[in-house]
Amino acid sequence: MPDCDLCEKYIDPWEANYPLADSPANLRLYRICEECHSALDSILRAHDVHDISGEKTFIEKILETKEDIGDSAKMYLETLLSAAEKATDETTAAEVLDHLLSAPDGVEGLTGSIVKLTSGYNYEGYNIVKYCGFISSETVLGMGVFKGLSAGFSNFFGTESNALGNKLREAKDAAIGRLKEQAAGLEANAIIGVDLDYTMFGDSLVGVIFSGTAVVIEERGVI
């Protein structure tokens, strides 16, 4: 079992572990310990930031000291703390957070909603005004995550394992999210020529690789 992605505490195989958040999808691959989950849950349910001063300090310390936390995780935690500050007697931090994430442009760099994707090389109704460069994103899963899933397969009937399919979808969503983050970092608002590949590394790792070209597009004027 890996260490907690936030506090780096060792997670015993018999202990519960949790995703950092259920959405955006790329946050589901971050695994955190029960202590971190409890702190985040307290913040999400809070109506008053003063009620969660200890949990807030705990998360702030992680943001200050952990440099390799990942851009998506960092943005999520910062947005969560901001939501807690805006919570009221009638509105919890979770409700404020949902509002921030569901806004038309989402949280820039976190939801990736401002970056468009296409497997083609142009957008109908838009002009490409700048090419920002080729980008790629990889997510690698250890085959250990598939242990115990063999019952979901049927060698005779080719029955799909829902559990395996869900894991691959999570990896794909995470790779897409990271690709969009890279594009946003280059000040691009679209990615063209998007390509998806699955690959095996030896017999123990499976990789999901997304690639494309980051570009800036502008809507064509209506004549």
C-alpha atoms as a PDB file:
ATOM      1  CA  MET A   1       0.000   0.000   0.000  1.00  0.00           C
ATOM      2  CA  PRO A   2       1.475   3.410  -0.929  1.00  0.00           C
ATOM      3  CA  ASP A   3       2.054   6.245   1.512  1.00  0.00           C
ATOM      4  CA  CYS A   4      -0.586   8.939   1.880  1.00  0.00           C
ATOM      5  CA  ASP A   5      -0.252  11.415  -1.000  1.00  0.00           C
ATOM      6  CA  LEU A   6      -0.765  14.329   1.396  1.00  0.00           C
ATOM      7  CA  CYS A   7       0.952  13.643   4.721  1.00  0.00           C
ATOM      8  CA  GLU A   8       3.135  10.750   3.430  1.00  0.00           C
ATOM      9  CA  LYS A   9       2.048   8.541   6.317  1.00  0.00           C
ATOM     10  CA  TYR A  10       2.383   4.812   5.614  1.00  0.00           C
ATOM     11  CA  ILE A  11      -1.012   3.265   4.962  1.00  0.00           C
ATOM     12  CA  ASP A  12      -1.185  -0.266   6.306  1.00  0.00           C
ATOM     13  CA  PRO A  13      -2.879  -2.702   3.868  1.00  0.00           C
ATOM     14  CA  TRP A  14      -5.545  -3.342   6.525  1.00  0.00           C
ATOM     15  CA  GLU A  15      -6.298   0.363   6.960  1.00  0.00           C
ATOM     16  CA  ALA A  16      -8.888   2.277   4.981  1.00  0.00           C
ATOM     17  CA  ASN A  17      -7.649   4.675   2.313  1.00  0.00           C
ATOM     18  CA  TYR A  18      -9.615   7.240   0.375  1.00  0.00           C
ATOM     19  CA  PRO A  19      -9.450   9.288  -2.846  1.00  0.00           C
ATOM     20  CA  LEU A  20      -8.546  12.941  -2.378  1.00  0.00           C
ATOM     21  CA  ALA A  21     -11.950  13.817  -3.879  1.00  0.00           C
ATOM     22  CA  ASP A  22     -14.584  12.145  -6.045  1.00  0.00           C
ATOM     23  CA  SER A  23     -14.411  14.926  -8.606  1.00  0.00           C
ATOM     24  CA  PRO A  24     -12.822  16.236 -10.731  1.00  0.00           C
ATOM     25  CA  ALA A  25     -11.988  12.743 -11.954  1.00  0.00           C
ATOM     26  CA  ASN A  26      -8.208  13.193 -11.877  1.00  0.00           C
ATOM     27  CA  LEU A  27      -8.328  13.627  -8.085  1.00  0.00           C
ATOM     28  CA  ARG A  28      -9.616  10.082  -7.582  1.00  0.00           C
ATOM     29  CA  LEU A  29      -6.159   8.620  -8.209  1.00  0.00           C
ATOM     30  CA  TYR A  30      -4.680  10.502  -5.248  1.00  0.00           C
ATOM     31  CA  ARG A  31      -4.879   8.204  -2.192  1.00  0.00           C
ATOM     32  CA  ILE A  32      -4.972   9.628   1.316  1.00  0.00           C
ATOM     33  CA  CYS A  33      -4.981   8.173   4.821  1.00  0.00           C
ATOM     34  CA  GLU A  34      -7.907   8.161   7.235  1.00  0.00           C
ATOM     35  CA  GLU A  35      -6.501  11.103   9.213  1.00  0.00           C
ATOM     36  CA  CYS A  36      -6.271  13.335   6.136  1.00  0.00           C
ATOM     37  CA  HIS A  37      -9.700  12.183   4.957  1.00  0.00           C
ATOM     38  CA  SER A  38     -11.185  13.059   8.356  1.00  0.00           C
ATOM     39  CA  ALA A  39      -9.631  16.545   8.235  1.00  0.00           C
ATOM     40  CA  LEU A  40     -10.945  17.209   4.721  1.00  0.00           C
ATOM     41  CA  ASP A  41     -14.384  15.853   5.616  1.00  0.00           C
ATOM     42  CA  SER A  42     -14.565  18.178   8.643  1.00  0.00           C
ATOM     43  CA  ILE A  43     -13.709  21.155   6.435  1.00  0.00           C
ATOM     44  CA  LEU A  44     -16.315  20.146   3.836  1.00  0.00           C
ATOM     45  CA  ARG A  45     -19.055  19.943   6.490  1.00  0.00           C
ATOM     46  CA  ALA A  46     -18.063  23.174   8.208  1.00  0.00           C
ATOM     47  CA  HIS A  47     -20.338  26.207   8.424  1.00  0.00           C
ATOM     48  CA  ASP A  48     -17.818  28.299  10.343  1.00  0.00           C
ATOM     49  CA  VAL A  49     -14.105  28.373   9.581  1.00  0.00           C
ATOM     50  CA  HIS A  50     -13.399  28.846  13.298  1.00  0.00           C
ATOM     51  CA  ASP A  51     -14.847  25.401  13.993  1.00  0.00           C
ATOM     52  CA  ILE A  52     -12.191  23.759  11.862  1.00  0.00           C
ATOM     53  CA  SER A  53      -9.152  25.862  12.768  1.00  0.00           C
ATOM     54  CA  GLY A  54      -7.106  22.755  13.591  1.00  0.00           C
ATOM     55  CA  GLU A  55      -7.986  20.991  10.340  1.00  0.00           C
ATOM     56  CA  LYS A  56      -7.367  24.198   8.381  1.00  0.00           C
ATOM     57  CA  THR A  57      -3.900  24.569   9.938  1.00  0.00           C
ATOM     58  CA  PHE A  58      -3.189  20.902   9.166  1.00  0.00           C
ATOM     59  CA  ILE A  59      -3.963  21.359   5.451  1.00  0.00           C
ATOM     60  CA  GLU A  60      -2.101  24.694   5.275  1.00  0.00           C
ATOM     61  CA  LYS A  61       0.997  23.000   6.690  1.00  0.00           C
ATOM     62  CA  ILE A  62       0.802  20.312   4.005  1.00  0.00           C
ATOM     63  CA  LEU A  63       0.567  22.988   1.296  1.00  0.00           C
ATOM     64  CA  GLU A  64       3.587  24.799   2.757  1.00  0.00           C
ATOM     65  CA  THR A  65       5.854  21.794   3.264  1.00  0.00           C
ATOM     66  CA  LYS A  66       4.992  19.270   0.552  1.00  0.00           C
ATOM     67  CA  GLU A  67       6.482  20.433  -2.733  1.00  0.00           C
ATOM     68  CA  ASP A  68       5.572  17.399  -4.872  1.00  0.00           C
ATOM     69  CA  ILE A  69       1.889  17.341  -4.019  1.00  0.00           C
ATOM     70  CA  GLY A  70       0.855  17.853  -7.650  1.00  0.00           C
ATOM     71  CA  ASP A  71      -0.809  20.873  -9.228  1.00  0.00           C
ATOM     72  CA  SER A  72      -4.337  19.424  -9.221  1.00  0.00           C
ATOM     73  CA  ALA A  73      -4.180  18.400  -5.557  1.00  0.00           C
ATOM     74  CA  LYS A  74      -2.703  21.756  -4.565  1.00  0.00           C
ATOM     75  CA  MET A  75      -5.390  23.706  -6.433  1.00  0.00           C
ATOM     76  CA  TYR A  76      -8.127  21.546  -4.931  1.00  0.00           C
ATOM     77  CA  LEU A  77      -6.897  22.072  -1.358  1.00  0.00           C
ATOM     78  CA  GLU A  78      -6.468  25.811  -1.886  1.00  0.00           C
ATOM     79  CA  THR A  79      -9.974  26.027  -3.367  1.00  0.00           C
ATOM     80  CA  LEU A  80     -11.363  23.980  -0.466  1.00  0.00           C
ATOM     81  CA  LEU A  81      -9.796  26.327   2.099  1.00  0.00           C
ATOM     82  CA  SER A  82     -11.169  29.311   0.188  1.00  0.00           C
ATOM     83  CA  ALA A  83     -14.619  27.696   0.196  1.00  0.00           C
ATOM     84  CA  ALA A  84     -14.389  27.190   3.966  1.00  0.00           C
ATOM     85  CA  GLU A  85     -13.682  30.894   4.411  1.00  0.00           C
ATOM     86  CA  LYS A  86     -16.828  31.730   2.407  1.00  0.00           C
ATOM     87  CA  ALA A  87     -19.120  29.277   4.216  1.00  0.00           C
ATOM     88  CA  THR A  88     -22.045  30.714   6.185  1.00  0.00           C
ATOM     89  CA  ASP A  89     -24.547  29.532   8.777  1.00  0.00           C
ATOM     90  CA  GLU A  90     -26.777  28.403   5.906  1.00  0.00           C
ATOM     91  CA  THR A  91     -24.088  27.123   3.529  1.00  0.00           C
ATOM     92  CA  THR A  92     -21.360  24.545   4.149  1.00  0.00           C
ATOM     93  CA  ALA A  93     -17.895  24.656   2.622  1.00  0.00           C
ATOM     94  CA  ALA A  94     -18.886  21.662   0.465  1.00  0.00           C
ATOM     95  CA  GLU A  95     -21.769  23.624  -1.060  1.00  0.00           C
ATOM     96  CA  VAL A  96     -19.509  26.608  -1.760  1.00  0.00           C
ATOM     97  CA  LEU A  97     -16.922  24.271  -3.293  1.00  0.00           C
ATOM     98  CA  ASP A  98     -19.541  22.659  -5.543  1.00  0.00           C
ATOM     99  CA  HIS A  99     -20.586  26.114  -6.727  1.00  0.00           C
ATOM    100  CA  LEU A 100     -16.981  27.043  -7.544  1.00  0.00           C
ATOM    101  CA  LEU A 101     -16.367  23.815  -9.465  1.00  0.00           C
ATOM    102  CA  SER A 102     -19.653  23.986 -11.375  1.00  0.00           C
ATOM    103  CA  ALA A 103     -19.148  27.587 -12.541  1.00  0.00           C
ATOM    104  CA  PRO A 104     -18.986  27.993 -16.350  1.00  0.00           C
ATOM    105  CA  ASP A 105     -15.188  28.153 -16.372  1.00  0.00           C
ATOM    106  CA  GLY A 106     -14.719  25.940 -13.328  1.00  0.00           C
ATOM    107  CA  VAL A 107     -11.532  26.425 -11.331  1.00  0.00           C
ATOM    108  CA  GLU A 108      -8.818  27.191 -13.867  1.00  0.00           C
ATOM    109  CA  GLY A 109      -6.229  24.408 -14.018  1.00  0.00           C
ATOM    110  CA  LEU A 110      -8.319  22.084 -11.840  1.00  0.00           C
ATOM    111  CA  THR A 111     -11.418  21.105 -13.749  1.00  0.00           C
ATOM    112  CA  GLY A 112      -9.820  21.760 -17.100  1.00  0.00           C
ATOM    113  CA  SER A 113     -13.188  22.924 -18.414  1.00  0.00           C
ATOM    114  CA  ILE A 114     -11.586  25.898 -20.181  1.00  0.00           C
ATOM    115  CA  VAL A 115      -9.415  23.670 -22.393  1.00  0.00           C
ATOM    116  CA  LYS A 116     -11.086  22.073 -25.430  1.00  0.00           C
ATOM    117  CA  LEU A 117     -10.013  18.696 -26.835  1.00  0.00           C
ATOM    118  CA  THR A 118     -10.279  17.178 -30.301  1.00  0.00           C
ATOM    119  CA  SER A 119      -8.671  14.291 -32.142  1.00  0.00           C
ATOM    120  CA  GLY A 120      -8.868  16.420 -35.290  1.00  0.00           C
ATOM    121  CA  TYR A 121      -6.623  19.276 -36.295  1.00  0.00           C
ATOM    122  CA  ASN A 122      -9.071  22.163 -36.309  1.00  0.00           C
ATOM    123  CA  TYR A 123     -12.251  23.364 -34.604  1.00  0.00           C
ATOM    124  CA  GLU A 124     -15.337  24.235 -36.593  1.00  0.00           C
ATOM    125  CA  GLY A 125     -16.036  27.912 -36.074  1.00  0.00           C
ATOM    126  CA  TYR A 126     -12.589  28.692 -34.640  1.00  0.00           C
ATOM    127  CA  ASN A 127      -9.227  29.806 -35.989  1.00  0.00           C
ATOM    128  CA  ILE A 128      -5.927  28.557 -34.588  1.00  0.00           C
ATOM    129  CA  VAL A 129      -3.913  31.677 -33.797  1.00  0.00           C
ATOM    130  CA  LYS A 130      -0.954  30.138 -31.972  1.00  0.00           C
ATOM    131  CA  TYR A 131       0.760  26.746 -31.659  1.00  0.00           C
ATOM    132  CA  CYS A 132       2.148  26.249 -28.147  1.00  0.00           C
ATOM    133  CA  GLY A 133       3.863  22.892 -28.653  1.00  0.00           C
ATOM    134  CA  PHE A 134       3.448  19.145 -28.353  1.00  0.00           C
ATOM    135  CA  ILE A 135       2.406  17.867 -24.916  1.00  0.00           C
ATOM    136  CA  SER A 136       1.835  14.435 -23.419  1.00  0.00           C
ATOM    137  CA  SER A 137       0.558  12.972 -20.162  1.00  0.00           C
ATOM    138  CA  GLU A 138       1.078   9.515 -18.744  1.00  0.00           C
ATOM    139  CA  THR A 139      -0.656   7.621 -15.949  1.00  0.00           C
ATOM    140  CA  VAL A 140       0.792   4.262 -14.890  1.00  0.00           C
ATOM    141  CA  LEU A 141      -1.099   1.682 -12.842  1.00  0.00           C
ATOM    142  CA  GLY A 142       0.591  -1.208 -11.099  1.00  0.00           C
ATOM    143  CA  MET A 143      -1.070  -4.510 -11.904  1.00  0.00           C
ATOM    144  CA  GLY A 144      -1.415  -5.009  -8.178  1.00  0.00           C
ATOM    145  CA  VAL A 145      -4.583  -2.894  -8.370  1.00  0.00           C
ATOM    146  CA  PHE A 146      -6.118  -5.666 -10.459  1.00  0.00           C
ATOM    147  CA  LYS A 147      -5.483  -8.447  -7.919  1.00  0.00           C
ATOM    148  CA  GLY A 148      -8.685 -10.133  -6.929  1.00  0.00           C
ATOM    149  CA  LEU A 149     -10.442  -8.991 -10.091  1.00  0.00           C
ATOM    150  CA  SER A 150      -9.982 -12.275 -11.928  1.00  0.00           C
ATOM    151  CA  ALA A 151     -13.476 -13.349 -10.952  1.00  0.00           C
ATOM    152  CA  GLY A 152     -14.757 -10.553 -13.138  1.00  0.00           C
ATOM    153  CA  PHE A 153     -13.359 -12.174 -16.290  1.00  0.00           C
ATOM    154  CA  SER A 154     -14.701 -15.055 -18.317  1.00  0.00           C
ATOM    155  CA  ASN A 155     -12.205 -16.796 -20.594  1.00  0.00           C
ATOM    156  CA  PHE A 156     -15.067 -18.486 -22.415  1.00  0.00           C
ATOM    157  CA  PHE A 157     -17.501 -15.639 -22.902  1.00  0.00           C
ATOM    158  CA  GLY A 158     -15.220 -12.583 -22.815  1.00  0.00           C
ATOM    159  CA  THR A 159     -17.223 -10.924 -20.045  1.00  0.00           C
ATOM    160  CA  GLU A 160     -15.850  -7.491 -19.217  1.00  0.00           C
ATOM    161  CA  SER A 161     -14.642  -6.832 -15.713  1.00  0.00           C
ATOM    162  CA  ASN A 162     -16.419  -3.708 -14.513  1.00  0.00           C
ATOM    163  CA  ALA A 163     -13.793  -3.197 -11.823  1.00  0.00           C
ATOM    164  CA  LEU A 164     -10.959  -3.288 -14.354  1.00  0.00           C
ATOM    165  CA  GLY A 165     -12.852  -1.007 -16.704  1.00  0.00           C
ATOM    166  CA  ASN A 166     -13.431   1.506 -13.907  1.00  0.00           C
ATOM    167  CA  LYS A 167      -9.721   1.532 -13.020  1.00  0.00           C
ATOM    168  CA  LEU A 168      -8.749   2.168 -16.629  1.00  0.00           C
ATOM    169  CA  ARG A 169     -11.335   4.954 -16.908  1.00  0.00           C
ATOM    170  CA  GLU A 170      -9.933   6.581 -13.777  1.00  0.00           C
ATOM    171  CA  ALA A 171      -6.430   6.408 -15.247  1.00  0.00           C
ATOM    172  CA  LYS A 172      -7.697   7.866 -18.541  1.00  0.00           C
ATOM    173  CA  ASP A 173      -9.504  10.730 -16.777  1.00  0.00           C
ATOM    174  CA  ALA A 174      -6.392  11.482 -14.719  1.00  0.00           C
ATOM    175  CA  ALA A 175      -4.207  11.572 -17.845  1.00  0.00           C
ATOM    176  CA  ILE A 176      -6.676  13.901 -19.592  1.00  0.00           C
ATOM    177  CA  GLY A 177      -6.743  16.188 -16.576  1.00  0.00           C
ATOM    178  CA  ARG A 178      -2.957  16.423 -16.499  1.00  0.00           C
ATOM    179  CA  LEU A 179      -2.836  17.071 -20.249  1.00  0.00           C
ATOM    180  CA  LYS A 180      -5.267  19.963 -19.819  1.00  0.00           C
ATOM    181  CA  GLU A 181      -3.185  21.305 -16.930  1.00  0.00           C
ATOM    182  CA  GLN A 182      -0.119  21.361 -19.185  1.00  0.00           C
ATOM    183  CA  ALA A 183      -2.055  23.177 -21.895  1.00  0.00           C
ATOM    184  CA  ALA A 184      -3.337  25.749 -19.388  1.00  0.00           C
ATOM    185  CA  GLY A 185       0.229  26.218 -18.158  1.00  0.00           C
ATOM    186  CA  LEU A 186       1.238  27.140 -21.717  1.00  0.00           C
ATOM    187  CA  GLU A 187      -1.708  29.588 -21.854  1.00  0.00           C
ATOM    188  CA  ALA A 188      -3.385  27.424 -24.492  1.00  0.00           C
ATOM    189  CA  ASN A 189      -7.140  26.978 -24.561  1.00  0.00           C
ATOM    190  CA  ALA A 190      -7.341  23.884 -26.774  1.00  0.00           C
ATOM    191  CA  ILE A 191      -5.519  20.670 -27.666  1.00  0.00           C
ATOM    192  CA  ILE A 192      -5.689  19.283 -31.194  1.00  0.00           C
ATOM    193  CA  GLY A 193      -4.632  15.921 -32.597  1.00  0.00           C
ATOM    194  CA  VAL A 194      -5.337  14.194 -29.282  1.00  0.00           C
ATOM    195  CA  ASP A 195      -4.165  10.584 -29.304  1.00  0.00           C
ATOM    196  CA  LEU A 196      -4.768   7.867 -26.701  1.00  0.00           C
ATOM    197  CA  ASP A 197      -2.532   4.836 -26.219  1.00  0.00           C
ATOM    198  CA  TYR A 198      -2.475   1.991 -23.745  1.00  0.00           C
ATOM    199  CA  THR A 199       0.834   0.227 -23.210  1.00  0.00           C
ATOM    200  CA  MET A 200       2.285  -2.488 -20.990  1.00  0.00           C
ATOM    201  CA  PHE A 201       5.590  -2.070 -19.159  1.00  0.00           C
ATOM    202  CA  GLY A 202       6.796  -5.613 -18.533  1.00  0.00           C
ATOM    203  CA  ASP A 203       4.056  -7.741 -16.994  1.00  0.00           C
ATOM    204  CA  SER A 204       3.346  -5.600 -13.950  1.00  0.00           C
ATOM    205  CA  LEU A 205       2.482  -2.085 -15.179  1.00  0.00           C
ATOM    206  CA  VAL A 206      -0.085  -0.683 -17.574  1.00  0.00           C
ATOM    207  CA  GLY A 207       0.207   2.862 -18.873  1.00  0.00           C
ATOM    208  CA  VAL A 208      -2.358   5.289 -20.297  1.00  0.00           C
ATOM    209  CA  ILE A 209      -0.770   7.910 -22.532  1.00  0.00           C
ATOM    210  CA  PHE A 210      -2.482  10.986 -23.978  1.00  0.00           C
ATOM    211  CA  SER A 211      -0.737  13.376 -26.339  1.00  0.00           C
ATOM    212  CA  GLY A 212      -1.600  16.289 -28.585  1.00  0.00           C
ATOM    213  CA  THR A 213      -0.646  19.782 -29.647  1.00  0.00           C
ATOM    214  CA  ALA A 214      -1.545  22.720 -27.403  1.00  0.00           C
ATOM    215  CA  VAL A 215      -2.943  25.679 -29.324  1.00  0.00           C
ATOM    216  CA  VAL A 216      -4.718  28.974 -28.845  1.00  0.00           C
ATOM    217  CA  ILE A 217      -7.999  29.251 -30.744  1.00  0.00           C
ATOM    218  CA  GLU A 218     -10.292  32.202 -31.332  1.00  0.00           C
ATOM    219  CA  GLU A 219     -13.913  32.129 -32.426  1.00  0.00           C
ATOM    220  CA  ARG A 220     -14.414  33.312 -35.985  1.00  0.00           C
ATOM    221  CA  GLY A 221     -16.313  36.534 -36.344  1.00  0.00           C
ATOM    222  CA  VAL A 222     -19.818  36.279 -37.762  1.00  0.00           C
ATOM    223  CA  ILE A 223     -20.114  38.182 -41.062  1.00  0.00           C
END
